PDB file of N, CA and C in Angstrom:
ATOM      1  N   MET A   1     116.328 143.470 126.008  1.00  0.00           N
ATOM      2  CA  MET A   1     117.664 144.050 125.988  1.00  0.00           C
ATOM      3  C   MET A   1     118.312 143.684 124.655  1.00  0.00           C
ATOM      4  N   LEU A   2     118.729 144.676 123.919  1.00  0.00           N
ATOM      5  CA  LEU A   2     119.448 144.463 122.671  1.00  0.00           C
ATOM      6  C   LEU A   2     120.931 144.307 123.003  1.00  0.00           C
ATOM      7  N   MET A   3     121.533 143.248 122.501  1.00  0.00           N
ATOM      8  CA  MET A   3     122.950 142.990 122.782  1.00  0.00           C
ATOM      9  C   MET A   3     123.651 142.681 121.468  1.00  0.00           C
ATOM     10  N   THR A   4     124.771 143.386 121.221  1.00  0.00           N
ATOM     11  CA  THR A   4     125.456 143.225 119.943  1.00  0.00           C
ATOM     12  C   THR A   4     126.968 143.399 120.096  1.00  0.00           C
ATOM     13  N   THR A   5     127.692 142.772 119.188  1.00  0.00           N
ATOM     14  CA  THR A   5     129.150 142.929 119.176  1.00  0.00           C
ATOM     15  C   THR A   5     129.571 144.196 118.445  1.00  0.00           C
ATOM     16  N   THR A   6     128.661 144.807 117.711  1.00  0.00           N
ATOM     17  CA  THR A   6     129.001 146.026 116.979  1.00  0.00           C
ATOM     18  C   THR A   6     128.991 147.223 117.916  1.00  0.00           C
ATOM     19  N   SER A   7     129.699 148.281 117.538  1.00  0.00           N
ATOM     20  CA  SER A   7     129.780 149.466 118.394  1.00  0.00           C
ATOM     21  C   SER A   7     128.713 150.501 118.064  1.00  0.00           C
ATOM     22  N   THR A   8     127.980 150.280 116.987  1.00  0.00           N
ATOM     23  CA  THR A   8     126.882 151.169 116.620  1.00  0.00           C
ATOM     24  C   THR A   8     125.703 150.319 116.163  1.00  0.00           C
ATOM     25  N   LEU A   9     124.531 150.941 116.174  1.00  0.00           N
ATOM     26  CA  LEU A   9     123.323 150.285 115.706  1.00  0.00           C
ATOM     27  C   LEU A   9     122.724 151.141 114.595  1.00  0.00           C
ATOM     28  N   GLU A  10     122.535 150.552 113.455  1.00  0.00           N
ATOM     29  CA  GLU A  10     122.015 151.296 112.316  1.00  0.00           C
ATOM     30  C   GLU A  10     120.635 151.873 112.645  1.00  0.00           C
ATOM     31  N   ASN A  11     120.490 153.172 112.394  1.00  0.00           N
ATOM     32  CA  ASN A  11     119.229 153.898 112.625  1.00  0.00           C
ATOM     33  C   ASN A  11     118.784 153.898 114.085  1.00  0.00           C
ATOM     34  N   ARG A  12     119.671 153.601 115.004  1.00  0.00           N
ATOM     35  CA  ARG A  12     119.357 153.608 116.438  1.00  0.00           C
ATOM     36  C   ARG A  12     120.494 154.342 117.161  1.00  0.00           C
ATOM     37  N   PRO A  13     120.460 155.660 117.202  1.00  0.00           N
ATOM     38  CA  PRO A  13     121.562 156.395 117.847  1.00  0.00           C
ATOM     39  C   PRO A  13     121.599 156.157 119.356  1.00  0.00           C
ATOM     40  N   VAL A  14     122.799 156.146 119.893  1.00  0.00           N
ATOM     41  CA  VAL A  14     122.991 156.009 121.334  1.00  0.00           C
ATOM     42  C   VAL A  14     122.657 157.349 121.978  1.00  0.00           C
ATOM     43  N   ARG A  15     121.714 157.333 122.921  1.00  0.00           N
ATOM     44  CA  ARG A  15     121.334 158.554 123.629  1.00  0.00           C
ATOM     45  C   ARG A  15     122.217 158.793 124.848  1.00  0.00           C
ATOM     46  N   GLN A  16     122.641 157.702 125.497  1.00  0.00           N
ATOM     47  CA  GLN A  16     123.465 157.852 126.688  1.00  0.00           C
ATOM     48  C   GLN A  16     124.336 156.614 126.889  1.00  0.00           C
ATOM     49  N   TYR A  17     125.612 156.852 127.168  1.00  0.00           N
ATOM     50  CA  TYR A  17     126.545 155.779 127.515  1.00  0.00           C
ATOM     51  C   TYR A  17     126.543 155.643 129.037  1.00  0.00           C
ATOM     52  N   LEU A  18     126.339 154.436 129.523  1.00  0.00           N
ATOM     53  CA  LEU A  18     126.191 154.222 130.958  1.00  0.00           C
ATOM     54  C   LEU A  18     127.391 153.524 131.600  1.00  0.00           C
ATOM     55  N   GLY A  19     128.302 153.023 130.807  1.00  0.00           N
ATOM     56  CA  GLY A  19     129.503 152.413 131.361  1.00  0.00           C
ATOM     57  C   GLY A  19     129.729 150.980 130.894  1.00  0.00           C
ATOM     58  N   VAL A  20     130.889 150.478 131.230  1.00  0.00           N
ATOM     59  CA  VAL A  20     131.285 149.115 130.873  1.00  0.00           C
ATOM     60  C   VAL A  20     130.616 148.135 131.835  1.00  0.00           C
ATOM     61  N   VAL A  21     130.094 147.070 131.272  1.00  0.00           N
ATOM     62  CA  VAL A  21     129.480 146.009 132.080  1.00  0.00           C
ATOM     63  C   VAL A  21     130.174 144.687 131.754  1.00  0.00           C
ATOM     64  N   ASN A  22     130.170 143.789 132.740  1.00  0.00           N
ATOM     65  CA  ASN A  22     130.886 142.523 132.606  1.00  0.00           C
ATOM     66  C   ASN A  22     130.042 141.358 133.095  1.00  0.00           C
ATOM     67  N   GLY A  23     130.413 140.191 132.653  1.00  0.00           N
ATOM     68  CA  GLY A  23     129.852 138.953 133.166  1.00  0.00           C
ATOM     69  C   GLY A  23     130.914 137.879 133.090  1.00  0.00           C
ATOM     70  N   GLU A  24     130.963 137.031 134.095  1.00  0.00           N
ATOM     71  CA  GLU A  24     131.954 135.956 134.125  1.00  0.00           C
ATOM     72  C   GLU A  24     131.294 134.648 134.530  1.00  0.00           C
ATOM     73  N   ALA A  25     131.851 133.574 134.024  1.00  0.00           N
ATOM     74  CA  ALA A  25     131.426 132.243 134.439  1.00  0.00           C
ATOM     75  C   ALA A  25     132.649 131.338 134.429  1.00  0.00           C
ATOM     76  N   ILE A  26     132.821 130.594 135.496  1.00  0.00           N
ATOM     77  CA  ILE A  26     133.890 129.603 135.571  1.00  0.00           C
ATOM     78  C   ILE A  26     133.222 128.265 135.851  1.00  0.00           C
ATOM     79  N   ILE A  27     133.418 127.335 134.952  1.00  0.00           N
ATOM     80  CA  ILE A  27     132.771 126.037 135.055  1.00  0.00           C
ATOM     81  C   ILE A  27     133.837 124.950 134.956  1.00  0.00           C
ATOM     82  N   GLY A  28     133.747 123.977 135.844  1.00  0.00           N
ATOM     83  CA  GLY A  28     134.704 122.884 135.852  1.00  0.00           C
ATOM     84  C   GLY A  28     134.257 121.740 134.969  1.00  0.00           C
ATOM     85  N   ALA A  29     135.211 121.142 134.316  1.00  0.00           N
ATOM     86  CA  ALA A  29     134.957 119.900 133.585  1.00  0.00           C
ATOM     87  C   ALA A  29     135.059 118.763 134.591  1.00  0.00           C
ATOM     88  N   ASN A  30     134.558 117.613 134.214  1.00  0.00           N
ATOM     89  CA  ASN A  30     134.674 116.490 135.138  1.00  0.00           C
ATOM     90  C   ASN A  30     135.297 115.291 134.445  1.00  0.00           C
ATOM     91  N   ILE A  31     135.577 114.268 135.208  1.00  0.00           N
ATOM     92  CA  ILE A  31     136.301 113.100 134.691  1.00  0.00           C
ATOM     93  C   ILE A  31     135.553 112.419 133.550  1.00  0.00           C
ATOM     94  N   PHE A  32     134.211 112.401 133.599  1.00  0.00           N
ATOM     95  CA  PHE A  32     133.457 111.729 132.547  1.00  0.00           C
ATOM     96  C   PHE A  32     133.551 112.489 131.234  1.00  0.00           C
ATOM     97  N   LYS A  33     133.459 113.818 131.295  1.00  0.00           N
ATOM     98  CA  LYS A  33     133.620 114.624 130.082  1.00  0.00           C
ATOM     99  C   LYS A  33     135.021 114.427 129.515  1.00  0.00           C
ATOM    100  N   ASP A  34     136.026 114.435 130.410  1.00  0.00           N
ATOM    101  CA  ASP A  34     137.407 114.248 129.970  1.00  0.00           C
ATOM    102  C   ASP A  34     137.592 112.890 129.301  1.00  0.00           C
ATOM    103  N   MET A  35     137.009 111.859 129.892  1.00  0.00           N
ATOM    104  CA  MET A  35     137.156 110.511 129.352  1.00  0.00           C
ATOM    105  C   MET A  35     136.530 110.420 127.955  1.00  0.00           C
ATOM    106  N   PHE A  36     135.303 110.927 127.815  1.00  0.00           N
ATOM    107  CA  PHE A  36     134.637 110.854 126.519  1.00  0.00           C
ATOM    108  C   PHE A  36     135.299 111.760 125.485  1.00  0.00           C
ATOM    109  N   ALA A  37     135.832 112.892 125.917  1.00  0.00           N
ATOM    110  CA  ALA A  37     136.556 113.768 124.998  1.00  0.00           C
ATOM    111  C   ALA A  37     137.824 113.079 124.500  1.00  0.00           C
ATOM    112  N   SER A  38     138.495 112.334 125.377  1.00  0.00           N
ATOM    113  CA  SER A  38     139.693 111.597 124.964  1.00  0.00           C
ATOM    114  C   SER A  38     139.353 110.557 123.906  1.00  0.00           C
ATOM    115  N   ILE A  39     138.234 109.885 124.085  1.00  0.00           N
ATOM    116  CA  ILE A  39     137.801 108.901 123.079  1.00  0.00           C
ATOM    117  C   ILE A  39     137.508 109.598 121.760  1.00  0.00           C
ATOM    118  N   ARG A  40     136.841 110.752 121.816  1.00  0.00           N
ATOM    119  CA  ARG A  40     136.538 111.511 120.596  1.00  0.00           C
ATOM    120  C   ARG A  40     137.813 111.941 119.887  1.00  0.00           C
ATOM    121  N   ASN A  41     138.847 112.285 120.652  1.00  0.00           N
ATOM    122  CA  ASN A  41     140.119 112.667 120.045  1.00  0.00           C
ATOM    123  C   ASN A  41     140.693 111.525 119.222  1.00  0.00           C
ATOM    124  N   VAL A  42     140.477 110.295 119.671  1.00  0.00           N
ATOM    125  CA  VAL A  42     141.013 109.125 118.978  1.00  0.00           C
ATOM    126  C   VAL A  42     140.169 108.768 117.758  1.00  0.00           C
ATOM    127  N   VAL A  43     138.839 108.718 117.939  1.00  0.00           N
ATOM    128  CA  VAL A  43     137.971 108.248 116.863  1.00  0.00           C
ATOM    129  C   VAL A  43     137.399 109.366 116.012  1.00  0.00           C
ATOM    130  N   GLY A  44     137.566 110.606 116.441  1.00  0.00           N
ATOM    131  CA  GLY A  44     137.035 111.738 115.685  1.00  0.00           C
ATOM    132  C   GLY A  44     135.629 112.080 116.126  1.00  0.00           C
ATOM    133  N   GLY A  45     135.172 113.212 115.690  1.00  0.00           N
ATOM    134  CA  GLY A  45     133.831 113.653 116.040  1.00  0.00           C
ATOM    135  C   GLY A  45     133.858 114.814 117.001  1.00  0.00           C
ATOM    136  N   ARG A  46     132.683 115.225 117.393  1.00  0.00           N
ATOM    137  CA  ARG A  46     132.535 116.388 118.258  1.00  0.00           C
ATOM    138  C   ARG A  46     132.390 115.963 119.710  1.00  0.00           C
ATOM    139  N   ALA A  47     132.896 116.792 120.603  1.00  0.00           N
ATOM    140  CA  ALA A  47     132.803 116.534 122.039  1.00  0.00           C
ATOM    141  C   ALA A  47     131.583 117.282 122.572  1.00  0.00           C
ATOM    142  N   GLY A  48     130.426 116.650 122.464  1.00  0.00           N
ATOM    143  CA  GLY A  48     129.157 117.282 122.811  1.00  0.00           C
ATOM    144  C   GLY A  48     129.086 117.772 124.239  1.00  0.00           C
ATOM    145  N   ALA A  49     129.628 117.014 125.180  1.00  0.00           N
ATOM    146  CA  ALA A  49     129.575 117.425 126.588  1.00  0.00           C
ATOM    147  C   ALA A  49     130.349 118.719 126.796  1.00  0.00           C
ATOM    148  N   TYR A  50     131.504 118.837 126.170  1.00  0.00           N
ATOM    149  CA  TYR A  50     132.291 120.073 126.280  1.00  0.00           C
ATOM    150  C   TYR A  50     131.586 121.220 125.569  1.00  0.00           C
ATOM    151  N   GLU A  51     130.974 120.960 124.433  1.00  0.00           N
ATOM    152  CA  GLU A  51     130.246 122.010 123.720  1.00  0.00           C
ATOM    153  C   GLU A  51     129.099 122.542 124.573  1.00  0.00           C
ATOM    154  N   ARG A  52     128.376 121.651 125.250  1.00  0.00           N
ATOM    155  CA  ARG A  52     127.279 122.087 126.119  1.00  0.00           C
ATOM    156  C   ARG A  52     127.821 122.894 127.303  1.00  0.00           C
ATOM    157  N   THR A  53     128.940 122.463 127.864  1.00  0.00           N
ATOM    158  CA  THR A  53     129.550 123.189 128.975  1.00  0.00           C
ATOM    159  C   THR A  53     129.964 124.583 128.537  1.00  0.00           C
ATOM    160  N   LEU A  54     130.580 124.681 127.379  1.00  0.00           N
ATOM    161  CA  LEU A  54     130.996 125.980 126.842  1.00  0.00           C
ATOM    162  C   LEU A  54     129.784 126.870 126.590  1.00  0.00           C
ATOM    163  N   SER A  55     128.745 126.323 126.011  1.00  0.00           N
ATOM    164  CA  SER A  55     127.521 127.073 125.746  1.00  0.00           C
ATOM    165  C   SER A  55     126.879 127.550 127.045  1.00  0.00           C
ATOM    166  N   ASP A  56     126.840 126.683 128.056  1.00  0.00           N
ATOM    167  CA  ASP A  56     126.280 127.062 129.352  1.00  0.00           C
ATOM    168  C   ASP A  56     127.072 128.202 129.985  1.00  0.00           C
ATOM    169  N   ALA A  57     128.396 128.115 129.946  1.00  0.00           N
ATOM    170  CA  ALA A  57     129.244 129.151 130.531  1.00  0.00           C
ATOM    171  C   ALA A  57     129.035 130.485 129.822  1.00  0.00           C
ATOM    172  N   ARG A  58     128.959 130.460 128.513  1.00  0.00           N
ATOM    173  CA  ARG A  58     128.744 131.690 127.749  1.00  0.00           C
ATOM    174  C   ARG A  58     127.380 132.304 128.088  1.00  0.00           C
ATOM    175  N   ARG A  59     126.344 131.477 128.188  1.00  0.00           N
ATOM    176  CA  ARG A  59     125.001 131.953 128.516  1.00  0.00           C
ATOM    177  C   ARG A  59     124.978 132.589 129.910  1.00  0.00           C
ATOM    178  N   ILE A  60     125.616 131.956 130.879  1.00  0.00           N
ATOM    179  CA  ILE A  60     125.676 132.489 132.239  1.00  0.00           C
ATOM    180  C   ILE A  60     126.367 133.850 132.251  1.00  0.00           C
ATOM    181  N   ALA A  61     127.507 133.944 131.574  1.00  0.00           N
ATOM    182  CA  ALA A  61     128.255 135.200 131.537  1.00  0.00           C
ATOM    183  C   ALA A  61     127.436 136.304 130.853  1.00  0.00           C
ATOM    184  N   MET A  62     126.766 135.979 129.761  1.00  0.00           N
ATOM    185  CA  MET A  62     125.938 136.975 129.064  1.00  0.00           C
ATOM    186  C   MET A  62     124.774 137.419 129.953  1.00  0.00           C
ATOM    187  N   ASN A  63     124.151 136.492 130.660  1.00  0.00           N
ATOM    188  CA  ASN A  63     123.045 136.840 131.549  1.00  0.00           C
ATOM    189  C   ASN A  63     123.515 137.754 132.679  1.00  0.00           C
ATOM    190  N   GLU A  64     124.702 137.497 133.222  1.00  0.00           N
ATOM    191  CA  GLU A  64     125.254 138.357 134.271  1.00  0.00           C
ATOM    192  C   GLU A  64     125.505 139.763 133.740  1.00  0.00           C
ATOM    193  N   MET A  65     126.056 139.848 132.543  1.00  0.00           N
ATOM    194  CA  MET A  65     126.328 141.153 131.945  1.00  0.00           C
ATOM    195  C   MET A  65     125.020 141.912 131.695  1.00  0.00           C
ATOM    196  N   GLU A  66     124.017 141.214 131.196  1.00  0.00           N
ATOM    197  CA  GLU A  66     122.719 141.843 130.944  1.00  0.00           C
ATOM    198  C   GLU A  66     122.105 142.365 132.247  1.00  0.00           C
ATOM    199  N   ALA A  67     122.189 141.588 133.310  1.00  0.00           N
ATOM    200  CA  ALA A  67     121.646 142.014 134.599  1.00  0.00           C
ATOM    201  C   ALA A  67     122.359 143.268 135.105  1.00  0.00           C
ATOM    202  N   GLU A  68     123.673 143.317 134.931  1.00  0.00           N
ATOM    203  CA  GLU A  68     124.436 144.493 135.349  1.00  0.00           C
ATOM    204  C   GLU A  68     124.023 145.713 134.528  1.00  0.00           C
ATOM    205  N   ALA A  69     123.801 145.522 133.233  1.00  0.00           N
ATOM    206  CA  ALA A  69     123.370 146.625 132.368  1.00  0.00           C
ATOM    207  C   ALA A  69     121.988 147.132 132.779  1.00  0.00           C
ATOM    208  N   LYS A  70     121.086 146.235 133.110  1.00  0.00           N
ATOM    209  CA  LYS A  70     119.738 146.626 133.537  1.00  0.00           C
ATOM    210  C   LYS A  70     119.791 147.463 134.812  1.00  0.00           C
ATOM    211  N   LYS A  71     120.688 147.109 135.722  1.00  0.00           N
ATOM    212  CA  LYS A  71     120.830 147.879 136.969  1.00  0.00           C
ATOM    213  C   LYS A  71     121.228 149.325 136.683  1.00  0.00           C
ATOM    214  N   LEU A  72     121.948 149.530 135.579  1.00  0.00           N
ATOM    215  CA  LEU A  72     122.368 150.880 135.204  1.00  0.00           C
ATOM    216  C   LEU A  72     121.294 151.625 134.420  1.00  0.00           C
ATOM    217  N   GLY A  73     120.211 150.941 134.089  1.00  0.00           N
ATOM    218  CA  GLY A  73     119.146 151.568 133.318  1.00  0.00           C
ATOM    219  C   GLY A  73     119.315 151.450 131.815  1.00  0.00           C
ATOM    220  N   ALA A  74     120.151 150.538 131.378  1.00  0.00           N
ATOM    221  CA  ALA A  74     120.415 150.364 129.947  1.00  0.00           C
ATOM    222  C   ALA A  74     119.296 149.563 129.280  1.00  0.00           C
ATOM    223  N   ASN A  75     119.128 149.807 127.984  1.00  0.00           N
ATOM    224  CA  ASN A  75     118.236 148.966 127.194  1.00  0.00           C
ATOM    225  C   ASN A  75     118.994 148.289 126.055  1.00  0.00           C
ATOM    226  N   ALA A  76     120.334 148.436 126.073  1.00  0.00           N
ATOM    227  CA  ALA A  76     121.176 147.760 125.081  1.00  0.00           C
ATOM    228  C   ALA A  76     122.601 147.664 125.619  1.00  0.00           C
ATOM    229  N   VAL A  77     123.326 146.678 125.112  1.00  0.00           N
ATOM    230  CA  VAL A  77     124.763 146.558 125.371  1.00  0.00           C
ATOM    231  C   VAL A  77     125.425 146.437 124.003  1.00  0.00           C
ATOM    232  N   ILE A  78     126.375 147.327 123.741  1.00  0.00           N
ATOM    233  CA  ILE A  78     127.056 147.321 122.446  1.00  0.00           C
ATOM    234  C   ILE A  78     128.536 146.994 122.641  1.00  0.00           C
ATOM    235  N   GLY A  79     129.193 146.633 121.541  1.00  0.00           N
ATOM    236  CA  GLY A  79     130.629 146.359 121.578  1.00  0.00           C
ATOM    237  C   GLY A  79     130.993 145.166 122.438  1.00  0.00           C
ATOM    238  N   ILE A  80     130.154 144.152 122.441  1.00  0.00           N
ATOM    239  CA  ILE A  80     130.393 142.990 123.308  1.00  0.00           C
ATOM    240  C   ILE A  80     131.615 142.201 122.829  1.00  0.00           C
ATOM    241  N   ASP A  81     132.454 141.857 123.797  1.00  0.00           N
ATOM    242  CA  ASP A  81     133.635 141.027 123.552  1.00  0.00           C
ATOM    243  C   ASP A  81     133.510 139.780 124.424  1.00  0.00           C
ATOM    244  N   VAL A  82     133.802 138.628 123.851  1.00  0.00           N
ATOM    245  CA  VAL A  82     133.733 137.360 124.572  1.00  0.00           C
ATOM    246  C   VAL A  82     135.125 136.739 124.577  1.00  0.00           C
ATOM    247  N   ASP A  83     135.610 136.399 125.759  1.00  0.00           N
ATOM    248  CA  ASP A  83     136.934 135.773 125.898  1.00  0.00           C
ATOM    249  C   ASP A  83     136.799 134.443 126.622  1.00  0.00           C
ATOM    250  N   TYR A  84     137.631 133.495 126.226  1.00  0.00           N
ATOM    251  CA  TYR A  84     137.633 132.147 126.808  1.00  0.00           C
ATOM    252  C   TYR A  84     139.031 131.832 127.311  1.00  0.00           C
ATOM    253  N   GLU A  85     139.119 131.207 128.468  1.00  0.00           N
ATOM    254  CA  GLU A  85     140.398 130.767 129.038  1.00  0.00           C
ATOM    255  C   GLU A  85     140.189 129.441 129.740  1.00  0.00           C
ATOM    256  N   VAL A  86     141.247 128.664 129.841  1.00  0.00           N
ATOM    257  CA  VAL A  86     141.229 127.473 130.686  1.00  0.00           C
ATOM    258  C   VAL A  86     142.081 127.773 131.910  1.00  0.00           C
ATOM    259  N   LEU A  87     141.640 127.265 133.051  1.00  0.00           N
ATOM    260  CA  LEU A  87     142.300 127.539 134.324  1.00  0.00           C
ATOM    261  C   LEU A  87     142.555 126.246 135.070  1.00  0.00           C
ATOM    262  N   GLY A  88     143.359 126.342 136.100  1.00  0.00           N
ATOM    263  CA  GLY A  88     143.614 125.207 136.975  1.00  0.00           C
ATOM    264  C   GLY A  88     144.900 124.498 136.604  1.00  0.00           C
ATOM    265  N   ALA A  89     145.395 123.735 137.564  1.00  0.00           N
ATOM    266  CA  ALA A  89     146.662 123.022 137.378  1.00  0.00           C
ATOM    267  C   ALA A  89     146.605 122.071 136.188  1.00  0.00           C
ATOM    268  N   ASP A  90     145.449 121.458 135.966  1.00  0.00           N
ATOM    269  CA  ASP A  90     145.315 120.510 134.857  1.00  0.00           C
ATOM    270  C   ASP A  90     144.377 121.038 133.770  1.00  0.00           C
ATOM    271  N   ASN A  91     144.201 122.376 133.736  1.00  0.00           N
ATOM    272  CA  ASN A  91     143.300 123.012 132.763  1.00  0.00           C
ATOM    273  C   ASN A  91     141.886 122.440 132.840  1.00  0.00           C
ATOM    274  N   GLY A  92     141.427 122.123 134.037  1.00  0.00           N
ATOM    275  CA  GLY A  92     140.125 121.507 134.217  1.00  0.00           C
ATOM    276  C   GLY A  92     138.977 122.480 134.403  1.00  0.00           C
ATOM    277  N   MET A  93     139.268 123.773 134.336  1.00  0.00           N
ATOM    278  CA  MET A  93     138.228 124.781 134.512  1.00  0.00           C
ATOM    279  C   MET A  93     138.156 125.640 133.259  1.00  0.00           C
ATOM    280  N   LEU A  94     136.940 125.992 132.873  1.00  0.00           N
ATOM    281  CA  LEU A  94     136.714 126.856 131.729  1.00  0.00           C
ATOM    282  C   LEU A  94     136.184 128.190 132.230  1.00  0.00           C
ATOM    283  N   MET A  95     136.807 129.289 131.797  1.00  0.00           N
ATOM    284  CA  MET A  95     136.356 130.625 132.184  1.00  0.00           C
ATOM    285  C   MET A  95     135.898 131.359 130.930  1.00  0.00           C
ATOM    286  N   VAL A  96     134.708 131.941 131.014  1.00  0.00           N
ATOM    287  CA  VAL A  96     134.185 132.781 129.950  1.00  0.00           C
ATOM    288  C   VAL A  96     133.951 134.148 130.534  1.00  0.00           C
ATOM    289  N   CYS A  97     134.534 135.161 129.917  1.00  0.00           N
ATOM    290  CA  CYS A  97     134.363 136.555 130.343  1.00  0.00           C
ATOM    291  C   CYS A  97     133.765 137.338 129.183  1.00  0.00           C
ATOM    292  N   VAL A  98     132.736 138.111 129.477  1.00  0.00           N
ATOM    293  CA  VAL A  98     132.141 138.972 128.465  1.00  0.00           C
ATOM    294  C   VAL A  98     132.129 140.400 128.996  1.00  0.00           C
ATOM    295  N   SER A  99     132.294 141.347 128.104  1.00  0.00           N
ATOM    296  CA  SER A  99     132.195 142.757 128.486  1.00  0.00           C
ATOM    297  C   SER A  99     131.612 143.533 127.321  1.00  0.00           C
ATOM    298  N   GLY A 100     131.019 144.649 127.652  1.00  0.00           N
ATOM    299  CA  GLY A 100     130.429 145.514 126.644  1.00  0.00           C
ATOM    300  C   GLY A 100     130.107 146.854 127.265  1.00  0.00           C
ATOM    301  N   THR A 101     129.528 147.737 126.479  1.00  0.00           N
ATOM    302  CA  THR A 101     129.149 149.057 126.951  1.00  0.00           C
ATOM    303  C   THR A 101     127.636 149.136 127.081  1.00  0.00           C
ATOM    304  N   ALA A 102     127.173 149.428 128.281  1.00  0.00           N
ATOM    305  CA  ALA A 102     125.742 149.595 128.526  1.00  0.00           C
ATOM    306  C   ALA A 102     125.326 150.975 128.017  1.00  0.00           C
ATOM    307  N   VAL A 103     124.233 151.009 127.259  1.00  0.00           N
ATOM    308  CA  VAL A 103     123.768 152.253 126.668  1.00  0.00           C
ATOM    309  C   VAL A 103     122.243 152.339 126.723  1.00  0.00           C
ATOM    310  N   GLN A 104     121.755 153.551 126.528  1.00  0.00           N
ATOM    311  CA  GLN A 104     120.346 153.767 126.249  1.00  0.00           C
ATOM    312  C   GLN A 104     120.246 154.221 124.807  1.00  0.00           C
ATOM    313  N   ILE A 105     119.375 153.547 124.062  1.00  0.00           N
ATOM    314  CA  ILE A 105     119.189 153.910 122.654  1.00  0.00           C
ATOM    315  C   ILE A 105     117.796 154.490 122.459  1.00  0.00           C
TER     316      ILE A 105
END
């Protein structure tokens, strides 16, 4: 499955537009990640646990979108948009939403 943020593919014309496809992932942070991130805020550096969580959420959302596109008979998703939000009373949840257009090229 070819997946791209661009709306066109050079030398690969779109033969059929199949519709908008989406994928979502909501992942909670935990007290240990929060504690180590707080320490990183003080001493500097990267918050590896949060980076891995963000990467995992993005991968899950992209995989869901790809599966939805395959169900429609697509062999590519173009115009992909990725959005990130924090949720919950204490912003303890991370939401990643992806959307794009399923196409046949």
